[in-house]
Protein backbone atom coordinates (compact mmCIF):
# COMPACT_ATOMS: atom_id res chain seq x y z
CA MET A 1 64.01 153.08 6.60
CA ALA A 2 61.39 150.48 5.69
CA ASP A 3 59.88 152.75 2.89
CA LEU A 4 63.56 153.09 1.13
CA LEU A 5 64.32 149.26 1.30
CA SER A 6 61.03 148.80 -0.55
CA GLU A 7 61.46 151.76 -3.03
CA ILE A 8 64.75 150.14 -3.54
CA THR A 9 63.42 146.62 -3.97
CA SER A 10 60.82 147.47 -6.53
CA ALA A 11 63.24 149.29 -8.69
CA ALA A 12 65.67 146.61 -8.67
CA LYS A 13 63.13 144.02 -9.30
CA ALA A 14 62.08 146.58 -12.47
CA TYR A 15 65.85 146.78 -13.39
CA TYR A 16 66.39 143.03 -13.57
CA ALA A 17 63.06 142.19 -15.41
CA GLN A 18 64.26 143.97 -18.28
CA ALA A 19 66.19 140.70 -18.89
CA SER A 20 63.54 139.01 -19.63
CA LYS A 21 63.35 140.71 -23.16
CA LEU A 22 67.11 139.44 -23.61
CA GLN A 23 68.24 136.58 -25.73
CA LEU A 24 70.90 134.98 -23.56
CA THR A 25 73.73 133.47 -25.45
CA ALA A 26 76.68 131.06 -24.62
CA GLN A 27 78.74 134.16 -25.57
CA ASP A 28 77.19 135.96 -22.95
CA PHE A 29 77.76 133.35 -20.77
CA TYR A 30 81.30 133.21 -21.20
CA ALA A 31 82.13 136.95 -21.15
CA TRP A 32 80.76 136.78 -18.18
CA LEU A 33 82.36 133.66 -16.58
CA ALA A 34 85.87 135.27 -17.75
CA SER A 35 84.56 138.40 -15.25
CA LEU A 36 84.64 136.36 -12.47
CA SER A 37 87.06 135.34 -9.77
CA THR A 38 88.41 131.49 -10.21
CA GLU A 39 86.40 130.36 -7.34
CA ARG A 40 83.28 131.78 -8.62
CA ARG A 41 84.05 130.55 -12.02
CA ALA A 42 84.65 126.96 -10.92
CA ALA A 43 81.53 126.66 -8.66
CA VAL A 44 79.31 128.56 -12.27
CA LEU A 45 80.69 126.02 -14.60
CA LYS A 46 79.49 123.09 -12.12
CA ARG A 47 76.17 124.45 -12.74
CA GLY A 48 76.29 125.48 -16.11
CA PHE A 49 74.71 127.73 -18.24
CA ASN A 50 70.73 126.55 -18.28
CA ASP A 51 71.05 126.85 -14.14
CA GLN A 52 72.65 130.51 -14.24
CA ARG A 53 69.86 131.99 -16.66
CA THR A 54 68.52 133.79 -13.71
CA GLU A 55 71.27 134.46 -11.85
CA PRO A 56 71.60 138.38 -11.09
CA THR A 57 75.06 139.00 -11.66
CA LEU A 58 74.81 137.56 -14.97
CA LEU A 59 71.41 139.43 -15.95
CA ARG A 60 72.98 142.53 -14.63
CA TYR A 61 76.23 141.96 -16.94
CA CYS A 62 74.09 141.17 -19.77
CA LEU A 63 72.16 144.55 -19.38
CA GLU A 64 75.44 146.47 -18.65
CA ALA A 65 76.79 145.03 -22.16
CA ARG A 66 73.63 146.35 -23.82
CA GLY A 67 73.97 149.82 -22.33
CA CYS A 68 71.46 149.42 -19.70
CA SER A 69 73.44 150.56 -16.59
CA MET A 70 71.85 149.91 -13.39
CA TRP A 71 73.69 153.00 -11.78
CA ARG A 72 71.58 155.13 -14.42
CA PHE A 73 68.49 153.28 -14.15
CA MET A 74 68.41 153.02 -10.09
CA ARG A 75 69.00 156.57 -10.14
CA GLU A 76 66.17 157.44 -12.34
CA GLN A 77 64.22 155.23 -10.45
CA LEU A 78 64.97 155.95 -6.77
CA SER A 79 64.40 159.00 -4.40
CA ALA A 80 67.25 161.01 -3.94
CA GLU A 81 67.09 159.45 -0.53
CA ALA A 82 66.93 156.24 -1.55
CA PHE A 83 69.45 156.37 -4.25
CA ALA A 84 72.17 157.44 -1.57
CA LEU A 85 71.10 154.33 0.70
CA TRP A 86 71.30 152.09 -2.62
CA ALA A 87 74.46 153.43 -3.64
CA ASP A 88 76.26 153.49 -0.02
CA GLN A 89 75.49 149.77 -0.03
CA LEU A 90 77.69 148.99 -3.27
């Protein structure tokens, strides 16, 4: 099990590392905000755009919006067993 978790962690890190190539904009931020619950949106707004630049849900939102599906990425990177474990946790 530990090997599977390590595999998942490495693949997730690789997925999010792709976001370092993105130029996040205020438009990205506000589009992401619109997708959040009212409570979560209020908490995010208190922190502001600059403090959220490394927020995994924002990074995933931006990657997905640019056509980089986490589901597809993980399916391609993980063994069948690790992917099944990852998918079951969603």
